[in-house]
C-alpha atoms as a PDB file:
ATOM      1  CA  MET A   1      79.335 134.288  80.821  1.00  0.00           C
ATOM      2  CA  ALA A   2      78.762 136.684  83.089  1.00  0.00           C
ATOM      3  CA  THR A   3      75.632 137.950  84.404  1.00  0.00           C
ATOM      4  CA  HIS A   4      74.524 141.816  83.572  1.00  0.00           C
ATOM      5  CA  LEU A   5      72.234 143.256  85.813  1.00  0.00           C
ATOM      6  CA  THR A   6      72.447 147.085  86.621  1.00  0.00           C
ATOM      7  CA  LEU A   7      71.700 148.174  90.608  1.00  0.00           C
ATOM      8  CA  ALA A   8      67.377 148.633  90.193  1.00  0.00           C
ATOM      9  CA  ASP A   9      68.549 144.742  89.743  1.00  0.00           C
ATOM     10  CA  LEU A  10      70.050 144.280  93.100  1.00  0.00           C
ATOM     11  CA  ARG A  11      67.194 146.376  93.782  1.00  0.00           C
ATOM     12  CA  THR A  12      64.558 143.258  93.786  1.00  0.00           C
ATOM     13  CA  THR A  13      66.567 140.240  92.913  1.00  0.00           C
ATOM     14  CA  THR A  14      67.658 138.051  96.054  1.00  0.00           C
ATOM     15  CA  ASN A  15      69.006 133.802  95.999  1.00  0.00           C
ATOM     16  CA  LEU A  16      69.753 134.327  92.447  1.00  0.00           C
ATOM     17  CA  ASP A  17      72.686 131.052  90.797  1.00  0.00           C
ATOM     18  CA  LEU A  18      74.664 133.387  89.448  1.00  0.00           C
ATOM     19  CA  PRO A  19      76.406 130.607  86.931  1.00  0.00           C
ATOM     20  CA  PRO A  20      79.836 129.234  87.957  1.00  0.00           C
ATOM     21  CA  THR A  21      82.921 130.716  86.592  1.00  0.00           C
ATOM     22  CA  GLY A  22      85.856 129.096  84.303  1.00  0.00           C
ATOM     23  CA  TRP A  23      89.018 127.081  85.550  1.00  0.00           C
ATOM     24  CA  LEU A  24      91.522 129.208  86.381  1.00  0.00           C
ATOM     25  CA  GLN A  25      95.060 126.948  86.621  1.00  0.00           C
ATOM     26  CA  VAL A  26      97.589 127.397  90.485  1.00  0.00           C
ATOM     27  CA  SER A  27     101.079 126.510  89.077  1.00  0.00           C
ATOM     28  CA  GLN A  28     104.085 126.963  91.767  1.00  0.00           C
ATOM     29  CA  ASP A  29     105.351 130.087  90.323  1.00  0.00           C
ATOM     30  CA  ARG A  30     101.913 131.609  91.441  1.00  0.00           C
ATOM     31  CA  VAL A  31     101.556 130.367  94.820  1.00  0.00           C
ATOM     32  CA  ASN A  32     105.891 131.129  95.102  1.00  0.00           C
ATOM     33  CA  ALA A  33     105.121 134.599  93.843  1.00  0.00           C
ATOM     34  CA  PHE A  34     102.378 134.632  96.448  1.00  0.00           C
ATOM     35  CA  GLY A  35     104.197 133.950  98.765  1.00  0.00           C
ATOM     36  CA  ALA A  36     106.429 135.988  98.589  1.00  0.00           C
ATOM     37  CA  ALA A  37     104.552 139.029  98.206  1.00  0.00           C
ATOM     38  CA  THR A  38     103.339 138.334 101.751  1.00  0.00           C
ATOM     39  CA  ASN A  39     106.299 136.519 103.687  1.00  0.00           C
ATOM     40  CA  ASP A  40     104.495 133.775 103.177  1.00  0.00           C
ATOM     41  CA  GLU A  41     107.050 131.009 102.496  1.00  0.00           C
ATOM     42  CA  GLN A  42     105.880 127.771 104.869  1.00  0.00           C
ATOM     43  CA  TRP A  43     107.782 124.939 102.984  1.00  0.00           C
ATOM     44  CA  ILE A  44     104.264 123.346 102.247  1.00  0.00           C
ATOM     45  CA  HIS A  45     104.176 125.480  99.532  1.00  0.00           C
ATOM     46  CA  VAL A  46     106.780 126.783  98.360  1.00  0.00           C
ATOM     47  CA  ASP A  47     109.037 123.803  98.765  1.00  0.00           C
ATOM     48  CA  PRO A  48     107.729 120.449  96.033  1.00  0.00           C
ATOM     49  CA  GLU A  49     110.916 118.924  97.028  1.00  0.00           C
ATOM     50  CA  ARG A  50     110.043 118.416 100.653  1.00  0.00           C
ATOM     51  CA  ALA A  51     106.546 118.487 100.814  1.00  0.00           C
ATOM     52  CA  ARG A  52     106.056 115.685  98.716  1.00  0.00           C
ATOM     53  CA  THR A  53     107.050 114.722 102.135  1.00  0.00           C
ATOM     54  CA  GLY A  54     104.952 116.459 104.080  1.00  0.00           C
ATOM     55  CA  PRO A  55     101.689 115.512 105.569  1.00  0.00           C
ATOM     56  CA  PHE A  56      99.148 116.525 101.496  1.00  0.00           C
ATOM     57  CA  GLY A  57     102.143 115.025  99.421  1.00  0.00           C
ATOM     58  CA  GLY A  58     103.017 117.705  97.453  1.00  0.00           C
ATOM     59  CA  THR A  59     102.594 121.729  97.863  1.00  0.00           C
ATOM     60  CA  ILE A  60      99.902 123.018  98.701  1.00  0.00           C
ATOM     61  CA  VAL A  61      98.085 126.640  97.997  1.00  0.00           C
ATOM     62  CA  HIS A  62      98.089 129.248 100.699  1.00  0.00           C
ATOM     63  CA  GLY A  63      94.222 130.074 101.505  1.00  0.00           C
ATOM     64  CA  TYR A  64      94.558 133.216 101.457  1.00  0.00           C
ATOM     65  CA  LEU A  65      96.187 132.888  97.652  1.00  0.00           C
ATOM     66  CA  THR A  66      92.751 131.092  97.087  1.00  0.00           C
ATOM     67  CA  LEU A  67      90.727 133.730  98.937  1.00  0.00           C
ATOM     68  CA  SER A  68      92.789 136.957  97.223  1.00  0.00           C
ATOM     69  CA  LEU A  69      91.187 134.693  94.005  1.00  0.00           C
ATOM     70  CA  LEU A  70      87.795 136.082  94.519  1.00  0.00           C
ATOM     71  CA  PRO A  71      88.000 139.491  92.490  1.00  0.00           C
ATOM     72  CA  HIS A  72      88.909 137.755  89.598  1.00  0.00           C
ATOM     73  CA  PHE A  73      86.525 135.629  89.852  1.00  0.00           C
ATOM     74  CA  VAL A  74      83.633 137.343  90.650  1.00  0.00           C
ATOM     75  CA  GLN A  75      84.738 139.719  87.987  1.00  0.00           C
ATOM     76  CA  GLN A  76      83.625 136.486  85.500  1.00  0.00           C
ATOM     77  CA  SER A  77      80.411 135.229  87.200  1.00  0.00           C
ATOM     78  CA  ILE A  78      78.108 139.306  87.580  1.00  0.00           C
ATOM     79  CA  VAL A  79      78.584 142.869  85.560  1.00  0.00           C
ATOM     80  CA  ILE A  80      76.912 145.820  87.426  1.00  0.00           C
ATOM     81  CA  ASP A  81      76.260 147.774  84.207  1.00  0.00           C
ATOM     82  CA  ASP A  82      76.220 151.022  85.808  1.00  0.00           C
ATOM     83  CA  ALA A  83      77.338 150.862  89.189  1.00  0.00           C
ATOM     84  CA  GLY A  84      80.880 153.310  89.308  1.00  0.00           C
ATOM     85  CA  LEU A  85      83.055 151.296  91.332  1.00  0.00           C
ATOM     86  CA  LEU A  86      83.021 148.059  93.210  1.00  0.00           C
ATOM     87  CA  VAL A  87      85.167 147.457  96.635  1.00  0.00           C
ATOM     88  CA  ASN A  88      85.385 144.487  99.209  1.00  0.00           C
ATOM     89  CA  TYR A  89      82.796 145.594 101.870  1.00  0.00           C
ATOM     90  CA  GLY A  90      84.050 142.051 104.144  1.00  0.00           C
ATOM     91  CA  ILE A  91      84.183 139.109 104.947  1.00  0.00           C
ATOM     92  CA  ASP A  92      80.850 137.358 107.242  1.00  0.00           C
ATOM     93  CA  LYS A  93      82.248 134.188 107.384  1.00  0.00           C
ATOM     94  CA  LEU A  94      84.937 132.036 105.758  1.00  0.00           C
ATOM     95  CA  ARG A  95      86.392 128.524 105.986  1.00  0.00           C
ATOM     96  CA  PHE A  96      89.816 127.031 104.544  1.00  0.00           C
ATOM     97  CA  PRO A  97      87.793 123.041 105.033  1.00  0.00           C
ATOM     98  CA  ALA A  98      89.898 121.272 102.694  1.00  0.00           C
ATOM     99  CA  PRO A  99      94.012 122.007 101.382  1.00  0.00           C
ATOM    100  CA  VAL A 100      94.267 122.484  97.194  1.00  0.00           C
ATOM    101  CA  PRO A 101      97.119 121.259  95.687  1.00  0.00           C
ATOM    102  CA  VAL A 102      99.583 123.084  93.747  1.00  0.00           C
ATOM    103  CA  GLY A 103      98.080 122.705  89.980  1.00  0.00           C
ATOM    104  CA  SER A 104      95.073 122.663  90.649  1.00  0.00           C
ATOM    105  CA  ASN A 105      92.208 123.813  88.989  1.00  0.00           C
ATOM    106  CA  LEU A 106      89.799 126.514  90.475  1.00  0.00           C
ATOM    107  CA  ARG A 107      86.353 127.994  89.690  1.00  0.00           C
ATOM    108  CA  LEU A 108      83.665 130.119  91.796  1.00  0.00           C
ATOM    109  CA  LYS A 109      79.327 129.534  92.888  1.00  0.00           C
ATOM    110  CA  ILE A 110      78.051 132.091  93.499  1.00  0.00           C
ATOM    111  CA  ARG A 111      74.656 133.042  94.436  1.00  0.00           C
ATOM    112  CA  LEU A 112      73.335 136.521  95.325  1.00  0.00           C
ATOM    113  CA  LEU A 113      71.995 136.820  98.624  1.00  0.00           C
ATOM    114  CA  GLU A 114      71.267 140.135  99.174  1.00  0.00           C
ATOM    115  CA  ALA A 115      71.600 144.114  98.303  1.00  0.00           C
ATOM    116  CA  GLN A 116      70.509 147.103 100.612  1.00  0.00           C
ATOM    117  CA  GLU A 117      70.795 150.854 100.198  1.00  0.00           C
ATOM    118  CA  LYS A 118      74.893 151.236 102.101  1.00  0.00           C
ATOM    119  CA  LEU A 119      76.347 154.224 103.609  1.00  0.00           C
ATOM    120  CA  GLY A 120      75.531 156.038 100.102  1.00  0.00           C
ATOM    121  CA  GLY A 121      75.510 153.305  97.866  1.00  0.00           C
ATOM    122  CA  MET A 122      74.581 149.756  97.263  1.00  0.00           C
ATOM    123  CA  LEU A 123      75.350 146.839  99.810  1.00  0.00           C
ATOM    124  CA  PHE A 124      75.205 143.182  98.310  1.00  0.00           C
ATOM    125  CA  ARG A 125      75.955 140.606  99.259  1.00  0.00           C
ATOM    126  CA  LEU A 126      77.368 136.459  98.033  1.00  0.00           C
ATOM    127  CA  ALA A 127      77.962 133.622  99.044  1.00  0.00           C
ATOM    128  CA  THR A 128      80.985 132.437  97.815  1.00  0.00           C
ATOM    129  CA  GLU A 129      81.520 128.373  97.775  1.00  0.00           C
ATOM    130  CA  MET A 130      85.266 127.979  95.783  1.00  0.00           C
ATOM    131  CA  GLU A 131      85.265 123.896  93.491  1.00  0.00           C
ATOM    132  CA  VAL A 132      88.322 122.285  92.870  1.00  0.00           C
ATOM    133  CA  GLU A 133      88.406 120.398  90.037  1.00  0.00           C
END
């Protein structure tokens, strides 16, 4: 269930741990579609038969597919009720510390670090951690 905040709340809220999102299973079909859409059809992602004998024992999710799921998860976790529009501003630090096997369930843990007025809007920083079940 999403935490509802307002822009005024953001101005005064720091280091708020939000509830984890629900789980999402990443299927081979989703991985194949991502590979086709991005022209990243490396066999470790899209060829289950070959990947069985590879270094991970099966296909793994593209790191950038995992990253691309952030908006889906963030929308489950936090809603800014009076925001007219939300856009991604950037990423400060990103790491892919472990392979994610295809078929895994993922969810996101989020901490709202801070918010500040910027460029005629509100910039808020989140610390996120993708969990694999």
